[in-house]
Amino acid sequence: MPSTSDHAELSTLRSQLDDLAQRVVAVADHYRDTPDSAIMAELDATERSLGAALRTLARATSIVEPR
């Protein structure tokens, strides 16, 4: 049975992933238009993966509504 603590934990994880995604984008921005653009491409892929994880957690969070 879903609990309030599960919902809170998922919400916290979403916040942490969102923060990580923003930090990855900030680092990637340092490499845009440089000879190290391959690093930027890898970081962009990381940001997309984190975005997918955020969407998955959002769906799970909506299922685990607090009671």
PDB file of N, CA and C in Angstrom:
ATOM      1  N   MET A   1       0.840  -1.175   0.000  1.00  0.00           N
ATOM      2  CA  MET A   1       0.000   0.000   0.000  1.00  0.00           C
ATOM      3  C   MET A   1       0.893   1.249   0.000  1.00  0.00           C
ATOM      4  N   PRO A   2       0.640   2.182  -0.898  1.00  0.00           N
ATOM      5  CA  PRO A   2       1.445   3.411  -0.950  1.00  0.00           C
ATOM      6  C   PRO A   2       1.338   4.192   0.359  1.00  0.00           C
ATOM      7  N   SER A   3       2.433   4.842   0.703  1.00  0.00           N
ATOM      8  CA  SER A   3       2.421   5.635   1.930  1.00  0.00           C
ATOM      9  C   SER A   3       2.908   7.055   1.648  1.00  0.00           C
ATOM     10  N   THR A   4       2.654   7.921   2.604  1.00  0.00           N
ATOM     11  CA  THR A   4       3.102   9.304   2.502  1.00  0.00           C
ATOM     12  C   THR A   4       4.619   9.367   2.424  1.00  0.00           C
ATOM     13  N   SER A   5       5.303   8.490   3.169  1.00  0.00           N
ATOM     14  CA  SER A   5       6.768   8.514   3.144  1.00  0.00           C
ATOM     15  C   SER A   5       7.312   8.099   1.771  1.00  0.00           C
ATOM     16  N   ASP A   6       6.627   7.169   1.093  1.00  0.00           N
ATOM     17  CA  ASP A   6       7.053   6.789  -0.259  1.00  0.00           C
ATOM     18  C   ASP A   6       6.912   7.978  -1.207  1.00  0.00           C
ATOM     19  N   HIS A   7       5.801   8.668  -1.105  1.00  0.00           N
ATOM     20  CA  HIS A   7       5.563   9.834  -1.968  1.00  0.00           C
ATOM     21  C   HIS A   7       6.620  10.905  -1.704  1.00  0.00           C
ATOM     22  N   ALA A   8       6.905  11.144  -0.433  1.00  0.00           N
ATOM     23  CA  ALA A   8       7.912  12.143  -0.073  1.00  0.00           C
ATOM     24  C   ALA A   8       9.288  11.741  -0.599  1.00  0.00           C
ATOM     25  N   GLU A   9       9.622  10.464  -0.481  1.00  0.00           N
ATOM     26  CA  GLU A   9      10.925   9.984  -0.969  1.00  0.00           C
ATOM     27  C   GLU A   9      11.038  10.163  -2.479  1.00  0.00           C
ATOM     28  N   LEU A  10       9.987   9.820  -3.212  1.00  0.00           N
ATOM     29  CA  LEU A  10      10.011   9.989  -4.666  1.00  0.00           C
ATOM     30  C   LEU A  10      10.117  11.462  -5.043  1.00  0.00           C
ATOM     31  N   SER A  11       9.429  12.318  -4.322  1.00  0.00           N
ATOM     32  CA  SER A  11       9.516  13.759  -4.584  1.00  0.00           C
ATOM     33  C   SER A  11      10.927  14.272  -4.342  1.00  0.00           C
ATOM     34  N   THR A  12      11.557  13.785  -3.291  1.00  0.00           N
ATOM     35  CA  THR A  12      12.939  14.176  -2.998  1.00  0.00           C
ATOM     36  C   THR A  12      13.872  13.713  -4.099  1.00  0.00           C
ATOM     37  N   LEU A  13      13.687  12.484  -4.545  1.00  0.00           N
ATOM     38  CA  LEU A  13      14.526  11.963  -5.637  1.00  0.00           C
ATOM     39  C   LEU A  13      14.353  12.787  -6.904  1.00  0.00           C
ATOM     40  N   ARG A  14      13.119  13.189  -7.196  1.00  0.00           N
ATOM     41  CA  ARG A  14      12.879  14.032  -8.372  1.00  0.00           C
ATOM     42  C   ARG A  14      13.618  15.353  -8.247  1.00  0.00           C
ATOM     43  N   SER A  15      13.586  15.951  -7.078  1.00  0.00           N
ATOM     44  CA  SER A  15      14.285  17.218  -6.862  1.00  0.00           C
ATOM     45  C   SER A  15      15.793  17.047  -7.048  1.00  0.00           C
ATOM     46  N   GLN A  16      16.328  15.963  -6.526  1.00  0.00           N
ATOM     47  CA  GLN A  16      17.765  15.714  -6.650  1.00  0.00           C
ATOM     48  C   GLN A  16      18.164  15.473  -8.099  1.00  0.00           C
ATOM     49  N   LEU A  17      17.351  14.708  -8.823  1.00  0.00           N
ATOM     50  CA  LEU A  17      17.656  14.475 -10.238  1.00  0.00           C
ATOM     51  C   LEU A  17      17.563  15.756 -11.047  1.00  0.00           C
ATOM     52  N   ASP A  18      16.592  16.589 -10.741  1.00  0.00           N
ATOM     53  CA  ASP A  18      16.454  17.865 -11.428  1.00  0.00           C
ATOM     54  C   ASP A  18      17.695  18.725 -11.188  1.00  0.00           C
ATOM     55  N   ASP A  19      18.157  18.757  -9.948  1.00  0.00           N
ATOM     56  CA  ASP A  19      19.369  19.505  -9.624  1.00  0.00           C
ATOM     57  C   ASP A  19      20.573  18.953 -10.385  1.00  0.00           C
ATOM     58  N   LEU A  20      20.707  17.636 -10.426  1.00  0.00           N
ATOM     59  CA  LEU A  20      21.816  17.021 -11.163  1.00  0.00           C
ATOM     60  C   LEU A  20      21.757  17.378 -12.646  1.00  0.00           C
ATOM     61  N   ALA A  21      20.563  17.323 -13.215  1.00  0.00           N
ATOM     62  CA  ALA A  21      20.413  17.653 -14.633  1.00  0.00           C
ATOM     63  C   ALA A  21      20.857  19.092 -14.900  1.00  0.00           C
ATOM     64  N   GLN A  22      20.467  20.002 -14.030  1.00  0.00           N
ATOM     65  CA  GLN A  22      20.864  21.402 -14.201  1.00  0.00           C
ATOM     66  C   GLN A  22      22.380  21.558 -14.084  1.00  0.00           C
ATOM     67  N   ARG A  23      22.981  20.835 -13.179  1.00  0.00           N
ATOM     68  CA  ARG A  23      24.428  20.918 -13.006  1.00  0.00           C
ATOM     69  C   ARG A  23      25.168  20.335 -14.209  1.00  0.00           C
ATOM     70  N   VAL A  24      24.643  19.242 -14.771  1.00  0.00           N
ATOM     71  CA  VAL A  24      25.254  18.638 -15.963  1.00  0.00           C
ATOM     72  C   VAL A  24      25.187  19.618 -17.126  1.00  0.00           C
ATOM     73  N   VAL A  25      24.047  20.280 -17.309  1.00  0.00           N
ATOM     74  CA  VAL A  25      23.904  21.259 -18.388  1.00  0.00           C
ATOM     75  C   VAL A  25      24.882  22.412 -18.193  1.00  0.00           C
ATOM     76  N   ALA A  26      25.054  22.859 -16.958  1.00  0.00           N
ATOM     77  CA  ALA A  26      25.988  23.959 -16.684  1.00  0.00           C
ATOM     78  C   ALA A  26      27.414  23.581 -17.073  1.00  0.00           C
ATOM     79  N   VAL A  27      27.816  22.361 -16.773  1.00  0.00           N
ATOM     80  CA  VAL A  27      29.168  21.922 -17.147  1.00  0.00           C
ATOM     81  C   VAL A  27      29.253  21.780 -18.671  1.00  0.00           C
ATOM     82  N   ALA A  28      28.226  21.203 -19.287  1.00  0.00           N
ATOM     83  CA  ALA A  28      28.224  21.042 -20.749  1.00  0.00           C
ATOM     84  C   ALA A  28      28.349  22.393 -21.444  1.00  0.00           C
ATOM     85  N   ASP A  29      27.711  23.417 -20.894  1.00  0.00           N
ATOM     86  CA  ASP A  29      27.770  24.748 -21.494  1.00  0.00           C
ATOM     87  C   ASP A  29      29.194  25.278 -21.574  1.00  0.00           C
ATOM     88  N   HIS A  30      30.043  24.868 -20.657  1.00  0.00           N
ATOM     89  CA  HIS A  30      31.441  25.301 -20.681  1.00  0.00           C
ATOM     90  C   HIS A  30      32.185  24.737 -21.905  1.00  0.00           C
ATOM     91  N   TYR A  31      31.676  23.632 -22.463  1.00  0.00           N
ATOM     92  CA  TYR A  31      32.359  22.970 -23.578  1.00  0.00           C
ATOM     93  C   TYR A  31      31.740  23.273 -24.934  1.00  0.00           C
ATOM     94  N   ARG A  32      30.647  24.021 -24.952  1.00  0.00           N
ATOM     95  CA  ARG A  32      30.022  24.342 -26.241  1.00  0.00           C
ATOM     96  C   ARG A  32      30.981  25.200 -27.071  1.00  0.00           C
ATOM     97  N   ASP A  33      31.033  24.907 -28.344  1.00  0.00           N
ATOM     98  CA  ASP A  33      31.879  25.656 -29.285  1.00  0.00           C
ATOM     99  C   ASP A  33      33.354  25.634 -28.903  1.00  0.00           C
ATOM    100  N   THR A  34      33.807  24.519 -28.367  1.00  0.00           N
ATOM    101  CA  THR A  34      35.227  24.342 -28.061  1.00  0.00           C
ATOM    102  C   THR A  34      35.717  23.087 -28.774  1.00  0.00           C
ATOM    103  N   PRO A  35      37.032  22.900 -28.813  1.00  0.00           N
ATOM    104  CA  PRO A  35      37.553  21.663 -29.407  1.00  0.00           C
ATOM    105  C   PRO A  35      37.116  20.418 -28.626  1.00  0.00           C
ATOM    106  N   ASP A  36      36.654  20.604 -27.391  1.00  0.00           N
ATOM    107  CA  ASP A  36      36.205  19.478 -26.570  1.00  0.00           C
ATOM    108  C   ASP A  36      34.696  19.274 -26.660  1.00  0.00           C
ATOM    109  N   SER A  37      34.128  19.550 -27.823  1.00  0.00           N
ATOM    110  CA  SER A  37      32.679  19.446 -27.956  1.00  0.00           C
ATOM    111  C   SER A  37      32.188  18.008 -27.796  1.00  0.00           C
ATOM    112  N   ALA A  38      33.083  17.017 -27.904  1.00  0.00           N
ATOM    113  CA  ALA A  38      32.681  15.628 -27.663  1.00  0.00           C
ATOM    114  C   ALA A  38      32.262  15.453 -26.205  1.00  0.00           C
ATOM    115  N   ILE A  39      32.926  16.165 -25.319  1.00  0.00           N
ATOM    116  CA  ILE A  39      32.540  16.120 -23.906  1.00  0.00           C
ATOM    117  C   ILE A  39      31.134  16.682 -23.753  1.00  0.00           C
ATOM    118  N   MET A  40      30.866  17.799 -24.429  1.00  0.00           N
ATOM    119  CA  MET A  40      29.544  18.400 -24.378  1.00  0.00           C
ATOM    120  C   MET A  40      28.492  17.418 -24.888  1.00  0.00           C
ATOM    121  N   ALA A  41      28.786  16.713 -25.956  1.00  0.00           N
ATOM    122  CA  ALA A  41      27.829  15.755 -26.506  1.00  0.00           C
ATOM    123  C   ALA A  41      27.514  14.651 -25.495  1.00  0.00           C
ATOM    124  N   GLU A  42      28.527  14.169 -24.809  1.00  0.00           N
ATOM    125  CA  GLU A  42      28.305  13.138 -23.787  1.00  0.00           C
ATOM    126  C   GLU A  42      27.479  13.689 -22.629  1.00  0.00           C
ATOM    127  N   LEU A  43      27.767  14.900 -22.230  1.00  0.00           N
ATOM    128  CA  LEU A  43      27.008  15.507 -21.139  1.00  0.00           C
ATOM    129  C   LEU A  43      25.568  15.787 -21.554  1.00  0.00           C
ATOM    130  N   ASP A  44      25.359  16.148 -22.812  1.00  0.00           N
ATOM    131  CA  ASP A  44      23.994  16.335 -23.308  1.00  0.00           C
ATOM    132  C   ASP A  44      23.229  15.013 -23.264  1.00  0.00           C
ATOM    133  N   ALA A  45      23.907  13.915 -23.610  1.00  0.00           N
ATOM    134  CA  ALA A  45      23.276  12.593 -23.530  1.00  0.00           C
ATOM    135  C   ALA A  45      22.940  12.259 -22.081  1.00  0.00           C
ATOM    136  N   THR A  46      23.816  12.632 -21.174  1.00  0.00           N
ATOM    137  CA  THR A  46      23.555  12.412 -19.751  1.00  0.00           C
ATOM    138  C   THR A  46      22.330  13.190 -19.312  1.00  0.00           C
ATOM    139  N   GLU A  47      22.227  14.432 -19.759  1.00  0.00           N
ATOM    140  CA  GLU A  47      21.076  15.263 -19.394  1.00  0.00           C
ATOM    141  C   GLU A  47      19.779  14.662 -19.937  1.00  0.00           C
ATOM    142  N   ARG A  48      19.813  14.119 -21.148  1.00  0.00           N
ATOM    143  CA  ARG A  48      18.618  13.475 -21.702  1.00  0.00           C
ATOM    144  C   ARG A  48      18.230  12.249 -20.880  1.00  0.00           C
ATOM    145  N   SER A  49      19.221  11.486 -20.450  1.00  0.00           N
ATOM    146  CA  SER A  49      18.934  10.311 -19.620  1.00  0.00           C
ATOM    147  C   SER A  49      18.334  10.708 -18.282  1.00  0.00           C
ATOM    148  N   LEU A  50      18.865  11.758 -17.691  1.00  0.00           N
ATOM    149  CA  LEU A  50      18.301  12.247 -16.433  1.00  0.00           C
ATOM    150  C   LEU A  50      16.873  12.751 -16.644  1.00  0.00           C
ATOM    151  N   GLY A  51      16.622  13.373 -17.786  1.00  0.00           N
ATOM    152  CA  GLY A  51      15.268  13.821 -18.106  1.00  0.00           C
ATOM    153  C   GLY A  51      14.303  12.644 -18.205  1.00  0.00           C
ATOM    154  N   ALA A  52      14.758  11.552 -18.820  1.00  0.00           N
ATOM    155  CA  ALA A  52      13.919  10.353 -18.905  1.00  0.00           C
ATOM    156  C   ALA A  52      13.657   9.787 -17.516  1.00  0.00           C
ATOM    157  N   ALA A  53      14.674   9.783 -16.669  1.00  0.00           N
ATOM    158  CA  ALA A  53      14.499   9.302 -15.297  1.00  0.00           C
ATOM    159  C   ALA A  53      13.513  10.191 -14.539  1.00  0.00           C
ATOM    160  N   LEU A  54      13.589  11.493 -14.763  1.00  0.00           N
ATOM    161  CA  LEU A  54      12.649  12.417 -14.112  1.00  0.00           C
ATOM    162  C   LEU A  54      11.212  12.135 -14.540  1.00  0.00           C
ATOM    163  N   ARG A  55      11.001  11.880 -15.816  1.00  0.00           N
ATOM    164  CA  ARG A  55       9.648  11.586 -16.296  1.00  0.00           C
ATOM    165  C   ARG A  55       9.137  10.279 -15.691  1.00  0.00           C
ATOM    166  N   THR A  56      10.003   9.285 -15.578  1.00  0.00           N
ATOM    167  CA  THR A  56       9.612   8.009 -14.979  1.00  0.00           C
ATOM    168  C   THR A  56       9.245   8.189 -13.512  1.00  0.00           C
ATOM    169  N   LEU A  57      10.059   8.943 -12.792  1.00  0.00           N
ATOM    170  CA  LEU A  57       9.757   9.205 -11.385  1.00  0.00           C
ATOM    171  C   LEU A  57       8.470  10.010 -11.233  1.00  0.00           C
ATOM    172  N   ALA A  58       8.218  10.924 -12.150  1.00  0.00           N
ATOM    173  CA  ALA A  58       6.975  11.707 -12.096  1.00  0.00           C
ATOM    174  C   ALA A  58       5.769  10.786 -12.236  1.00  0.00           C
ATOM    175  N   ARG A  59       5.863   9.821 -13.145  1.00  0.00           N
ATOM    176  CA  ARG A  59       4.755   8.868 -13.299  1.00  0.00           C
ATOM    177  C   ARG A  59       4.586   8.035 -12.030  1.00  0.00           C
ATOM    178  N   ALA A  60       5.696   7.559 -11.479  1.00  0.00           N
ATOM    179  CA  ALA A  60       5.621   6.756 -10.256  1.00  0.00           C
ATOM    180  C   ALA A  60       5.055   7.587  -9.105  1.00  0.00           C
ATOM    181  N   THR A  61       5.468   8.835  -9.013  1.00  0.00           N
ATOM    182  CA  THR A  61       4.991   9.709  -7.938  1.00  0.00           C
ATOM    183  C   THR A  61       3.485   9.917  -8.055  1.00  0.00           C
ATOM    184  N   SER A  62       2.981  10.034  -9.270  1.00  0.00           N
ATOM    185  CA  SER A  62       1.547  10.248  -9.445  1.00  0.00           C
ATOM    186  C   SER A  62       0.751   8.999  -9.058  1.00  0.00           C
ATOM    187  N   ILE A  63       1.376   7.829  -9.150  1.00  0.00           N
ATOM    188  CA  ILE A  63       0.701   6.595  -8.752  1.00  0.00           C
ATOM    189  C   ILE A  63       0.700   6.458  -7.229  1.00  0.00           C
ATOM    190  N   VAL A  64       1.805   6.855  -6.616  1.00  0.00           N
ATOM    191  CA  VAL A  64       1.967   6.748  -5.162  1.00  0.00           C
ATOM    192  C   VAL A  64       1.507   8.053  -4.528  1.00  0.00           C
ATOM    193  N   GLU A  65       0.238   8.310  -4.577  1.00  0.00           N
ATOM    194  CA  GLU A  65      -0.324   9.508  -3.966  1.00  0.00           C
ATOM    195  C   GLU A  65      -0.373   9.320  -2.451  1.00  0.00           C
ATOM    196  N   PRO A  66      -0.057  10.371  -1.699  1.00  0.00           N
ATOM    197  CA  PRO A  66      -0.151  10.236  -0.244  1.00  0.00           C
ATOM    198  C   PRO A  66      -1.584  10.024   0.218  1.00  0.00           C
ATOM    199  N   ARG A  67      -1.706   9.246   1.275  1.00  0.00           N
ATOM    200  CA  ARG A  67      -3.053   8.938   1.802  1.00  0.00           C
ATOM    201  C   ARG A  67      -3.206   9.510   3.174  1.00  0.00           C
TER     202      ARG A  67
END
